[in-house]
Amino acid sequence: MTQAMVDEAPESTPSEPPRAKPSLWRIPLVLIVGLFAVFWVWALFFASKESINRIGDQTWADRAEGICAVADAERVQLADPVEFDPADPALLIAHADLVDRATDILETMLDDVVAVRPTDDKGRELVPEWEADYRTFIGNRRDYTATLRTGEAQQFSEAAVDGIPISDKLERFAGDNDMPSCAPPHEQGL
């Protein structure tokens, strides 16, 4: 290209970029992000931090923890370190007997704990629900040992409440009320 051609080229004037059309999604998206931010500010700084399982009668919870700690110690004494062969029906029955003895301790523990009711309204509402769930868990243990006595070796199976294992619900209640010994046992059958 020669200099004359370059000089003759029309000068281009910078034009404004085309304007984007306002998106209809922008408003709902900004609204959703704003609501999300408001929710987290509320959740982190203003929402109650008290557990929904926490009862007001700390004396009842302290008493329950004492009863459960004694029961835990009794169950630990039952522990048999010998591995059992699931193919041996005699050993299945012996294991079932051991689990039933541990379950008897749990049942007596629960009877002693609920013999006295909490003095607060929330405690009087929640403790009977916790007791009913614990009795279901005890029933699950009895079903397990009945199956073992038939010679069928199977894993312990427990009921679910609201989609979670009942033992998790029982453990959460116990933890929220400072009575960790009242959580259901997790060790192998005891």
N, C-alpha and C. Protein backbone atom coordinates (compact mmCIF):
# COMPACT_ATOMS: atom_id res chain seq x y z
N MET A 1 0.83 -1.16 0.00
CA MET A 1 0.00 0.00 0.00
C MET A 1 0.88 1.23 0.00
N THR A 2 0.47 2.18 -0.71
CA THR A 2 1.25 3.40 -0.80
C THR A 2 0.72 4.40 0.19
N GLN A 3 1.53 5.42 0.36
CA GLN A 3 1.16 6.47 1.31
C GLN A 3 -0.12 7.16 0.87
N ALA A 4 -0.35 7.29 -0.40
CA ALA A 4 -1.55 7.96 -0.89
C ALA A 4 -2.79 7.17 -0.54
N MET A 5 -2.66 5.88 -0.62
CA MET A 5 -3.82 5.05 -0.31
C MET A 5 -4.16 5.10 1.17
N VAL A 6 -3.12 5.13 1.96
CA VAL A 6 -3.35 5.20 3.39
C VAL A 6 -4.00 6.51 3.74
N ASP A 7 -3.55 7.59 3.07
CA ASP A 7 -4.12 8.90 3.37
C ASP A 7 -5.57 8.98 2.92
N GLU A 8 -5.92 8.24 1.89
CA GLU A 8 -7.27 8.33 1.35
C GLU A 8 -8.26 7.45 2.11
N ALA A 9 -7.77 6.58 2.92
CA ALA A 9 -8.69 5.70 3.64
C ALA A 9 -9.58 6.53 4.54
N PRO A 10 -10.82 6.22 4.53
CA PRO A 10 -11.71 7.00 5.38
C PRO A 10 -11.36 6.83 6.85
N GLU A 11 -11.44 7.90 7.54
CA GLU A 11 -11.17 7.84 8.98
C GLU A 11 -12.36 7.18 9.67
N SER A 12 -12.05 6.23 10.53
CA SER A 12 -13.15 5.59 11.27
C SER A 12 -13.32 6.33 12.59
N THR A 13 -14.51 6.57 12.88
CA THR A 13 -14.79 7.25 14.14
C THR A 13 -15.19 6.20 15.16
N PRO A 14 -14.64 6.32 16.35
CA PRO A 14 -15.02 5.33 17.36
C PRO A 14 -16.51 5.46 17.65
N SER A 15 -17.16 4.36 17.57
CA SER A 15 -18.59 4.38 17.88
C SER A 15 -18.82 3.72 19.23
N GLU A 16 -19.92 4.04 19.80
CA GLU A 16 -20.26 3.45 21.09
C GLU A 16 -20.62 1.99 20.89
N PRO A 17 -20.17 1.14 21.85
CA PRO A 17 -20.55 -0.26 21.70
C PRO A 17 -22.06 -0.40 21.83
N PRO A 18 -22.60 -1.40 21.18
CA PRO A 18 -24.04 -1.57 21.27
C PRO A 18 -24.45 -1.82 22.71
N ARG A 19 -25.53 -1.22 23.15
CA ARG A 19 -26.03 -1.39 24.52
C ARG A 19 -26.68 -2.74 24.67
N ALA A 20 -26.36 -3.42 25.78
CA ALA A 20 -26.99 -4.70 26.06
C ALA A 20 -28.40 -4.45 26.53
N LYS A 21 -29.27 -5.30 26.09
CA LYS A 21 -30.66 -5.19 26.54
C LYS A 21 -30.72 -5.63 27.99
N PRO A 22 -31.48 -4.93 28.80
CA PRO A 22 -31.59 -5.37 30.20
C PRO A 22 -32.19 -6.77 30.24
N SER A 23 -31.53 -7.64 31.00
CA SER A 23 -31.98 -9.01 31.12
C SER A 23 -33.12 -9.11 32.12
N LEU A 24 -34.10 -9.89 31.76
CA LEU A 24 -35.21 -10.10 32.69
C LEU A 24 -34.78 -10.95 33.88
N TRP A 25 -33.67 -11.68 33.74
CA TRP A 25 -33.19 -12.52 34.83
C TRP A 25 -32.41 -11.74 35.87
N ARG A 26 -31.98 -10.54 35.53
CA ARG A 26 -31.15 -9.76 36.45
C ARG A 26 -31.90 -9.45 37.74
N ILE A 27 -33.14 -9.03 37.65
CA ILE A 27 -33.90 -8.63 38.84
C ILE A 27 -34.13 -9.82 39.77
N PRO A 28 -34.64 -10.96 39.27
CA PRO A 28 -34.80 -12.09 40.20
C PRO A 28 -33.48 -12.59 40.77
N LEU A 29 -32.43 -12.57 39.96
CA LEU A 29 -31.13 -13.02 40.43
C LEU A 29 -30.62 -12.12 41.56
N VAL A 30 -30.72 -10.82 41.39
CA VAL A 30 -30.30 -9.88 42.43
C VAL A 30 -31.16 -10.07 43.68
N LEU A 31 -32.43 -10.29 43.49
CA LEU A 31 -33.34 -10.51 44.63
C LEU A 31 -32.97 -11.79 45.38
N ILE A 32 -32.67 -12.86 44.66
CA ILE A 32 -32.30 -14.13 45.31
C ILE A 32 -31.00 -13.97 46.08
N VAL A 33 -30.01 -13.34 45.47
CA VAL A 33 -28.73 -13.13 46.16
C VAL A 33 -28.93 -12.26 47.40
N GLY A 34 -29.76 -11.24 47.29
CA GLY A 34 -30.04 -10.38 48.44
C GLY A 34 -30.73 -11.14 49.57
N LEU A 35 -31.72 -11.95 49.23
CA LEU A 35 -32.41 -12.75 50.25
C LEU A 35 -31.46 -13.75 50.90
N PHE A 36 -30.60 -14.35 50.11
CA PHE A 36 -29.61 -15.29 50.63
C PHE A 36 -28.70 -14.60 51.64
N ALA A 37 -28.25 -13.41 51.31
CA ALA A 37 -27.38 -12.65 52.21
C ALA A 37 -28.12 -12.29 53.51
N VAL A 38 -29.37 -11.85 53.38
CA VAL A 38 -30.17 -11.50 54.57
C VAL A 38 -30.35 -12.73 55.45
N PHE A 39 -30.63 -13.89 54.85
CA PHE A 39 -30.80 -15.12 55.63
C PHE A 39 -29.54 -15.43 56.43
N TRP A 40 -28.37 -15.38 55.80
CA TRP A 40 -27.15 -15.73 56.50
C TRP A 40 -26.80 -14.72 57.58
N VAL A 41 -27.08 -13.47 57.38
CA VAL A 41 -26.86 -12.48 58.44
C VAL A 41 -27.76 -12.81 59.63
N TRP A 42 -29.02 -13.11 59.35
CA TRP A 42 -29.94 -13.49 60.43
C TRP A 42 -29.46 -14.76 61.13
N ALA A 43 -29.10 -15.78 60.34
CA ALA A 43 -28.70 -17.07 60.92
C ALA A 43 -27.45 -16.95 61.78
N LEU A 44 -26.51 -16.15 61.33
CA LEU A 44 -25.24 -16.05 62.06
C LEU A 44 -25.29 -15.11 63.26
N PHE A 45 -26.12 -14.07 63.19
CA PHE A 45 -26.07 -13.06 64.24
C PHE A 45 -27.33 -12.91 65.08
N PHE A 46 -28.48 -13.32 64.57
CA PHE A 46 -29.72 -13.05 65.29
C PHE A 46 -30.51 -14.30 65.70
N ALA A 47 -30.33 -15.41 65.01
CA ALA A 47 -31.10 -16.62 65.31
C ALA A 47 -30.68 -17.19 66.67
N SER A 48 -31.62 -17.85 67.32
CA SER A 48 -31.35 -18.48 68.60
C SER A 48 -30.34 -19.61 68.41
N LYS A 49 -29.38 -19.68 69.29
CA LYS A 49 -28.36 -20.73 69.22
C LYS A 49 -28.70 -21.90 70.14
N GLU A 50 -29.81 -21.83 70.82
CA GLU A 50 -30.21 -22.89 71.73
C GLU A 50 -30.75 -24.07 70.95
N SER A 51 -30.36 -25.25 71.36
CA SER A 51 -30.80 -26.47 70.69
C SER A 51 -32.29 -26.69 70.91
N ILE A 52 -32.94 -27.24 69.91
CA ILE A 52 -34.37 -27.53 70.07
C ILE A 52 -34.59 -28.69 71.02
N ASN A 53 -33.55 -29.48 71.31
CA ASN A 53 -33.67 -30.62 72.22
C ASN A 53 -33.34 -30.27 73.67
N ARG A 54 -32.86 -29.09 73.91
CA ARG A 54 -32.41 -28.73 75.26
C ARG A 54 -33.60 -28.48 76.17
N ILE A 55 -33.62 -29.21 77.27
CA ILE A 55 -34.69 -29.00 78.25
C ILE A 55 -34.19 -28.03 79.32
N GLY A 56 -35.10 -27.48 80.09
CA GLY A 56 -34.74 -26.48 81.09
C GLY A 56 -34.38 -27.03 82.45
N ASP A 57 -34.71 -28.27 82.74
CA ASP A 57 -34.49 -28.85 84.06
C ASP A 57 -33.12 -29.52 84.10
N GLN A 58 -32.09 -28.74 84.43
CA GLN A 58 -30.72 -29.28 84.45
C GLN A 58 -30.55 -30.30 85.57
N THR A 59 -31.31 -30.18 86.65
CA THR A 59 -31.24 -31.15 87.74
C THR A 59 -31.67 -32.52 87.24
N TRP A 60 -32.73 -32.55 86.43
CA TRP A 60 -33.19 -33.83 85.86
C TRP A 60 -32.09 -34.42 84.98
N ALA A 61 -31.48 -33.60 84.13
CA ALA A 61 -30.44 -34.07 83.22
C ALA A 61 -29.22 -34.59 84.01
N ASP A 62 -28.84 -33.90 85.07
CA ASP A 62 -27.72 -34.34 85.89
C ASP A 62 -28.02 -35.69 86.55
N ARG A 63 -29.24 -35.84 87.04
CA ARG A 63 -29.66 -37.10 87.65
C ARG A 63 -29.62 -38.22 86.62
N ALA A 64 -30.14 -37.95 85.41
CA ALA A 64 -30.15 -38.94 84.33
C ALA A 64 -28.72 -39.34 83.97
N GLU A 65 -27.83 -38.39 83.87
CA GLU A 65 -26.43 -38.69 83.53
C GLU A 65 -25.81 -39.61 84.56
N GLY A 66 -26.10 -39.38 85.84
CA GLY A 66 -25.57 -40.25 86.89
C GLY A 66 -26.07 -41.68 86.75
N ILE A 67 -27.35 -41.84 86.48
CA ILE A 67 -27.93 -43.18 86.31
C ILE A 67 -27.32 -43.86 85.08
N CYS A 68 -27.19 -43.12 84.00
CA CYS A 68 -26.67 -43.69 82.75
C CYS A 68 -25.19 -44.06 82.87
N ALA A 69 -24.42 -43.27 83.61
CA ALA A 69 -23.00 -43.57 83.79
C ALA A 69 -22.81 -44.90 84.53
N VAL A 70 -23.64 -45.14 85.53
CA VAL A 70 -23.57 -46.42 86.26
C VAL A 70 -23.94 -47.57 85.31
N ALA A 71 -24.97 -47.39 84.52
CA ALA A 71 -25.39 -48.43 83.58
C ALA A 71 -24.30 -48.70 82.54
N ASP A 72 -23.65 -47.64 82.06
CA ASP A 72 -22.56 -47.82 81.10
C ASP A 72 -21.44 -48.68 81.69
N ALA A 73 -21.10 -48.40 82.94
CA ALA A 73 -20.04 -49.17 83.60
C ALA A 73 -20.44 -50.64 83.72
N GLU A 74 -21.70 -50.90 84.02
CA GLU A 74 -22.19 -52.29 84.11
C GLU A 74 -22.10 -52.98 82.75
N ARG A 75 -22.47 -52.27 81.70
CA ARG A 75 -22.41 -52.87 80.36
C ARG A 75 -20.98 -53.16 79.93
N VAL A 76 -20.06 -52.26 80.27
CA VAL A 76 -18.66 -52.45 79.90
C VAL A 76 -18.10 -53.71 80.56
N GLN A 77 -18.55 -54.00 81.77
CA GLN A 77 -18.09 -55.21 82.45
C GLN A 77 -18.54 -56.47 81.73
N LEU A 78 -19.61 -56.38 80.95
CA LEU A 78 -20.09 -57.55 80.20
C LEU A 78 -19.26 -57.84 78.96
N ALA A 79 -18.51 -56.86 78.51
CA ALA A 79 -17.79 -56.99 77.24
C ALA A 79 -16.94 -58.25 77.22
N ASP A 80 -17.06 -58.98 76.12
CA ASP A 80 -16.30 -60.21 75.92
C ASP A 80 -15.37 -59.98 74.74
N PRO A 81 -14.06 -59.94 74.98
CA PRO A 81 -13.13 -59.63 73.89
C PRO A 81 -12.98 -60.75 72.85
N VAL A 82 -13.60 -61.89 73.09
CA VAL A 82 -13.47 -63.02 72.18
C VAL A 82 -14.32 -62.78 70.94
N GLU A 83 -13.71 -62.93 69.77
CA GLU A 83 -14.44 -62.82 68.51
C GLU A 83 -15.31 -64.07 68.36
N PHE A 84 -16.50 -63.89 67.88
CA PHE A 84 -17.33 -65.06 67.68
C PHE A 84 -17.43 -65.38 66.20
N ASP A 85 -17.59 -66.64 65.93
CA ASP A 85 -17.68 -67.12 64.55
C ASP A 85 -19.16 -67.13 64.17
N PRO A 86 -19.56 -66.28 63.22
CA PRO A 86 -20.97 -66.22 62.85
C PRO A 86 -21.49 -67.52 62.24
N ALA A 87 -20.59 -68.41 61.86
CA ALA A 87 -21.03 -69.68 61.30
C ALA A 87 -21.35 -70.70 62.39
N ASP A 88 -20.99 -70.41 63.62
CA ASP A 88 -21.23 -71.34 64.73
C ASP A 88 -22.50 -70.92 65.48
N PRO A 89 -23.58 -71.71 65.34
CA PRO A 89 -24.85 -71.35 65.99
C PRO A 89 -24.73 -71.21 67.51
N ALA A 90 -23.89 -72.01 68.14
CA ALA A 90 -23.74 -71.92 69.60
C ALA A 90 -23.14 -70.57 69.99
N LEU A 91 -22.19 -70.09 69.20
CA LEU A 91 -21.59 -68.79 69.50
C LEU A 91 -22.57 -67.65 69.21
N LEU A 92 -23.43 -67.81 68.20
CA LEU A 92 -24.46 -66.81 67.94
C LEU A 92 -25.42 -66.69 69.12
N ILE A 93 -25.78 -67.82 69.66
CA ILE A 93 -26.69 -67.82 70.81
C ILE A 93 -26.01 -67.20 72.03
N ALA A 94 -24.75 -67.52 72.24
CA ALA A 94 -24.00 -66.94 73.36
C ALA A 94 -23.91 -65.42 73.20
N HIS A 95 -23.66 -64.98 71.97
CA HIS A 95 -23.59 -63.53 71.72
C HIS A 95 -24.96 -62.89 71.96
N ALA A 96 -26.02 -63.56 71.52
CA ALA A 96 -27.38 -63.04 71.73
C ALA A 96 -27.66 -62.91 73.23
N ASP A 97 -27.23 -63.90 74.01
CA ASP A 97 -27.43 -63.83 75.47
C ASP A 97 -26.70 -62.62 76.06
N LEU A 98 -25.48 -62.39 75.59
CA LEU A 98 -24.70 -61.26 76.09
C LEU A 98 -25.37 -59.92 75.72
N VAL A 99 -25.84 -59.81 74.49
CA VAL A 99 -26.52 -58.59 74.05
C VAL A 99 -27.80 -58.39 74.85
N ASP A 100 -28.52 -59.48 75.11
CA ASP A 100 -29.75 -59.35 75.91
C ASP A 100 -29.45 -58.89 77.33
N ARG A 101 -28.37 -59.38 77.92
CA ARG A 101 -28.01 -58.91 79.27
C ARG A 101 -27.69 -57.41 79.25
N ALA A 102 -26.98 -56.97 78.21
CA ALA A 102 -26.67 -55.55 78.08
C ALA A 102 -27.95 -54.74 77.84
N THR A 103 -28.87 -55.30 77.08
CA THR A 103 -30.14 -54.62 76.81
C THR A 103 -30.98 -54.54 78.08
N ASP A 104 -30.93 -55.57 78.92
CA ASP A 104 -31.62 -55.52 80.21
C ASP A 104 -31.11 -54.35 81.04
N ILE A 105 -29.80 -54.13 81.00
CA ILE A 105 -29.22 -53.00 81.74
C ILE A 105 -29.75 -51.68 81.17
N LEU A 106 -29.79 -51.58 79.84
CA LEU A 106 -30.32 -50.36 79.21
C LEU A 106 -31.78 -50.12 79.59
N GLU A 107 -32.55 -51.19 79.62
CA GLU A 107 -33.98 -51.06 79.94
C GLU A 107 -34.17 -50.59 81.38
N THR A 108 -33.41 -51.17 82.29
CA THR A 108 -33.49 -50.74 83.70
C THR A 108 -33.04 -49.29 83.84
N MET A 109 -31.97 -48.93 83.12
CA MET A 109 -31.48 -47.55 83.13
C MET A 109 -32.58 -46.60 82.69
N LEU A 110 -33.23 -46.92 81.58
CA LEU A 110 -34.28 -46.05 81.06
C LEU A 110 -35.44 -45.94 82.05
N ASP A 111 -35.84 -47.06 82.64
CA ASP A 111 -36.91 -47.03 83.64
C ASP A 111 -36.56 -46.11 84.80
N ASP A 112 -35.31 -46.19 85.26
CA ASP A 112 -34.87 -45.35 86.38
C ASP A 112 -34.82 -43.87 85.99
N VAL A 113 -34.36 -43.59 84.77
CA VAL A 113 -34.25 -42.19 84.32
C VAL A 113 -35.63 -41.55 84.23
N VAL A 114 -36.58 -42.24 83.63
CA VAL A 114 -37.90 -41.63 83.41
C VAL A 114 -38.84 -41.79 84.60
N ALA A 115 -38.37 -42.42 85.67
CA ALA A 115 -39.22 -42.55 86.87
C ALA A 115 -39.53 -41.17 87.46
N VAL A 116 -38.66 -40.21 87.21
CA VAL A 116 -38.87 -38.83 87.63
C VAL A 116 -38.96 -38.00 86.36
N ARG A 117 -40.00 -37.20 86.27
CA ARG A 117 -40.20 -36.36 85.08
C ARG A 117 -39.57 -34.99 85.29
N PRO A 118 -39.11 -34.36 84.22
CA PRO A 118 -38.56 -33.00 84.33
C PRO A 118 -39.63 -32.02 84.82
N THR A 119 -39.19 -30.93 85.40
CA THR A 119 -40.13 -29.96 85.95
C THR A 119 -40.53 -28.88 84.95
N ASP A 120 -39.80 -28.75 83.85
CA ASP A 120 -40.11 -27.69 82.88
C ASP A 120 -41.03 -28.22 81.78
N ASP A 121 -41.77 -27.31 81.14
CA ASP A 121 -42.72 -27.69 80.09
C ASP A 121 -42.05 -28.40 78.93
N LYS A 122 -40.93 -27.86 78.48
CA LYS A 122 -40.24 -28.46 77.34
C LYS A 122 -39.75 -29.87 77.69
N GLY A 123 -39.24 -30.04 78.89
CA GLY A 123 -38.80 -31.36 79.34
C GLY A 123 -39.95 -32.35 79.42
N ARG A 124 -41.09 -31.88 79.94
CA ARG A 124 -42.26 -32.77 80.02
C ARG A 124 -42.78 -33.15 78.64
N GLU A 125 -42.49 -32.32 77.64
CA GLU A 125 -42.89 -32.64 76.27
C GLU A 125 -41.88 -33.56 75.58
N LEU A 126 -40.59 -33.28 75.74
CA LEU A 126 -39.56 -34.01 74.98
C LEU A 126 -39.15 -35.35 75.59
N VAL A 127 -39.12 -35.45 76.90
CA VAL A 127 -38.64 -36.68 77.52
C VAL A 127 -39.52 -37.88 77.18
N PRO A 128 -40.84 -37.78 77.17
CA PRO A 128 -41.64 -38.94 76.75
C PRO A 128 -41.36 -39.36 75.30
N GLU A 129 -41.07 -38.39 74.42
CA GLU A 129 -40.71 -38.74 73.04
C GLU A 129 -39.37 -39.47 73.01
N TRP A 130 -38.41 -38.97 73.79
CA TRP A 130 -37.10 -39.61 73.88
C TRP A 130 -37.25 -41.02 74.45
N GLU A 131 -38.09 -41.17 75.47
CA GLU A 131 -38.31 -42.49 76.06
C GLU A 131 -38.92 -43.45 75.02
N ALA A 132 -39.90 -42.98 74.27
CA ALA A 132 -40.53 -43.83 73.26
C ALA A 132 -39.50 -44.26 72.20
N ASP A 133 -38.66 -43.33 71.78
CA ASP A 133 -37.62 -43.67 70.81
C ASP A 133 -36.63 -44.68 71.40
N TYR A 134 -36.28 -44.49 72.67
CA TYR A 134 -35.34 -45.41 73.32
C TYR A 134 -35.96 -46.81 73.42
N ARG A 135 -37.24 -46.86 73.72
CA ARG A 135 -37.91 -48.18 73.81
C ARG A 135 -37.96 -48.85 72.43
N THR A 136 -38.09 -48.06 71.39
CA THR A 136 -38.03 -48.62 70.03
C THR A 136 -36.64 -49.18 69.77
N PHE A 137 -35.60 -48.45 70.17
CA PHE A 137 -34.23 -48.91 70.01
C PHE A 137 -34.01 -50.21 70.79
N ILE A 138 -34.52 -50.28 72.00
CA ILE A 138 -34.41 -51.51 72.80
C ILE A 138 -35.13 -52.65 72.09
N GLY A 139 -36.30 -52.37 71.53
CA GLY A 139 -37.03 -53.39 70.76
C GLY A 139 -36.22 -53.87 69.56
N ASN A 140 -35.52 -52.95 68.90
CA ASN A 140 -34.65 -53.33 67.78
C ASN A 140 -33.56 -54.28 68.24
N ARG A 141 -33.01 -54.04 69.42
CA ARG A 141 -31.98 -54.92 69.97
C ARG A 141 -32.57 -56.30 70.28
N ARG A 142 -33.79 -56.34 70.79
CA ARG A 142 -34.43 -57.63 71.09
C ARG A 142 -34.71 -58.41 69.79
N ASP A 143 -35.12 -57.70 68.75
CA ASP A 143 -35.34 -58.34 67.45
C ASP A 143 -34.03 -58.92 66.91
N TYR A 144 -32.95 -58.18 67.09
CA TYR A 144 -31.64 -58.62 66.63
C TYR A 144 -31.24 -59.92 67.31
N THR A 145 -31.40 -59.98 68.63
CA THR A 145 -30.98 -61.20 69.34
C THR A 145 -31.90 -62.38 69.01
N ALA A 146 -33.18 -62.10 68.75
CA ALA A 146 -34.09 -63.18 68.34
C ALA A 146 -33.63 -63.77 67.00
N THR A 147 -33.17 -62.92 66.11
CA THR A 147 -32.66 -63.39 64.81
C THR A 147 -31.38 -64.20 65.00
N LEU A 148 -30.50 -63.74 65.87
CA LEU A 148 -29.27 -64.49 66.13
C LEU A 148 -29.57 -65.88 66.65
N ARG A 149 -30.59 -66.00 67.49
CA ARG A 149 -30.93 -67.30 68.07
C ARG A 149 -31.46 -68.29 67.03
N THR A 150 -31.89 -67.79 65.89
CA THR A 150 -32.35 -68.69 64.82
C THR A 150 -31.17 -69.25 64.03
N GLY A 151 -29.96 -68.78 64.34
CA GLY A 151 -28.78 -69.23 63.63
C GLY A 151 -28.40 -68.35 62.46
N GLU A 152 -29.15 -67.28 62.27
CA GLU A 152 -28.86 -66.36 61.17
C GLU A 152 -28.00 -65.20 61.69
N ALA A 153 -26.80 -65.11 61.13
CA ALA A 153 -25.90 -64.01 61.52
C ALA A 153 -26.20 -62.82 60.62
N GLN A 154 -26.69 -61.76 61.24
CA GLN A 154 -26.96 -60.55 60.47
C GLN A 154 -26.51 -59.34 61.25
N GLN A 155 -26.38 -58.21 60.55
CA GLN A 155 -26.01 -56.95 61.18
C GLN A 155 -27.19 -56.41 61.96
N PHE A 156 -26.87 -55.67 63.01
CA PHE A 156 -27.90 -54.99 63.79
C PHE A 156 -28.60 -53.97 62.91
N SER A 157 -29.91 -53.96 62.95
CA SER A 157 -30.69 -53.02 62.16
C SER A 157 -31.60 -52.24 63.10
N GLU A 158 -31.61 -50.94 62.92
CA GLU A 158 -32.44 -50.11 63.80
C GLU A 158 -33.43 -49.29 63.00
N ALA A 159 -34.46 -48.86 63.69
CA ALA A 159 -35.50 -48.04 63.07
C ALA A 159 -34.93 -46.68 62.70
N ALA A 160 -35.60 -46.04 61.77
CA ALA A 160 -35.24 -44.68 61.37
C ALA A 160 -36.40 -43.75 61.73
N VAL A 161 -36.06 -42.56 62.16
CA VAL A 161 -37.04 -41.53 62.47
C VAL A 161 -36.69 -40.31 61.64
N ASP A 162 -37.63 -39.86 60.85
CA ASP A 162 -37.40 -38.72 59.96
C ASP A 162 -36.18 -38.94 59.07
N GLY A 163 -35.97 -40.17 58.66
CA GLY A 163 -34.88 -40.49 57.75
C GLY A 163 -33.51 -40.66 58.38
N ILE A 164 -33.41 -40.59 59.71
CA ILE A 164 -32.13 -40.79 60.37
C ILE A 164 -32.25 -41.98 61.33
N PRO A 165 -31.14 -42.70 61.56
CA PRO A 165 -31.20 -43.81 62.52
C PRO A 165 -31.66 -43.31 63.89
N ILE A 166 -32.47 -44.11 64.53
CA ILE A 166 -33.04 -43.70 65.82
C ILE A 166 -31.93 -43.46 66.86
N SER A 167 -30.82 -44.20 66.75
CA SER A 167 -29.72 -43.99 67.70
C SER A 167 -29.12 -42.59 67.55
N ASP A 168 -29.11 -42.05 66.32
CA ASP A 168 -28.60 -40.68 66.13
C ASP A 168 -29.49 -39.67 66.83
N LYS A 169 -30.80 -39.87 66.75
CA LYS A 169 -31.74 -38.98 67.42
C LYS A 169 -31.56 -39.05 68.95
N LEU A 170 -31.42 -40.27 69.46
CA LEU A 170 -31.22 -40.45 70.90
C LEU A 170 -29.91 -39.82 71.36
N GLU A 171 -28.88 -39.99 70.55
CA GLU A 171 -27.57 -39.44 70.90
C GLU A 171 -27.59 -37.91 70.89
N ARG A 172 -28.30 -37.33 69.95
CA ARG A 172 -28.38 -35.86 69.88
C ARG A 172 -29.08 -35.32 71.13
N PHE A 173 -30.19 -35.95 71.54
CA PHE A 173 -30.90 -35.50 72.74
C PHE A 173 -29.98 -35.58 73.95
N ALA A 174 -29.28 -36.70 74.08
CA ALA A 174 -28.38 -36.89 75.22
C ALA A 174 -27.26 -35.84 75.21
N GLY A 175 -26.69 -35.60 74.05
CA GLY A 175 -25.61 -34.61 73.95
C GLY A 175 -26.08 -33.20 74.22
N ASP A 176 -27.26 -32.85 73.70
CA ASP A 176 -27.78 -31.50 73.89
C ASP A 176 -28.15 -31.21 75.34
N ASN A 177 -28.32 -32.26 76.14
CA ASN A 177 -28.71 -32.08 77.53
C ASN A 177 -27.60 -32.49 78.51
N ASP A 178 -26.37 -32.53 78.01
CA ASP A 178 -25.20 -32.82 78.85
C ASP A 178 -25.32 -34.14 79.60
N MET A 179 -25.83 -35.15 78.92
CA MET A 179 -25.93 -36.49 79.51
C MET A 179 -25.41 -37.52 78.51
N PRO A 180 -24.11 -37.43 78.20
CA PRO A 180 -23.53 -38.29 77.16
C PRO A 180 -23.62 -39.78 77.46
N SER A 181 -23.65 -40.15 78.72
CA SER A 181 -23.74 -41.58 79.08
C SER A 181 -25.11 -42.15 78.73
N CYS A 182 -26.10 -41.29 78.48
CA CYS A 182 -27.43 -41.76 78.13
C CYS A 182 -27.60 -42.00 76.63
N ALA A 183 -26.55 -41.74 75.86
CA ALA A 183 -26.60 -42.04 74.43
C ALA A 183 -26.62 -43.56 74.26
N PRO A 184 -27.26 -44.05 73.21
CA PRO A 184 -27.29 -45.50 73.01
C PRO A 184 -25.90 -46.04 72.72
N PRO A 185 -25.66 -47.29 73.10
CA PRO A 185 -24.34 -47.86 72.88
C PRO A 185 -24.04 -48.08 71.40
N HIS A 186 -22.78 -47.90 71.05
CA HIS A 186 -22.37 -48.13 69.67
C HIS A 186 -21.43 -49.31 69.54
N GLU A 187 -20.86 -49.75 70.67
CA GLU A 187 -19.94 -50.86 70.55
C GLU A 187 -20.70 -52.12 70.10
N GLN A 188 -19.98 -53.08 69.59
CA GLN A 188 -20.55 -54.26 68.97
C GLN A 188 -21.60 -54.94 69.86
N GLY A 189 -22.84 -54.51 69.73
CA GLY A 189 -23.94 -55.20 70.38
C GLY A 189 -24.15 -54.91 71.85
N LEU A 190 -23.20 -54.31 72.52
CA LEU A 190 -23.38 -54.11 73.95
C LEU A 190 -23.85 -52.69 74.21
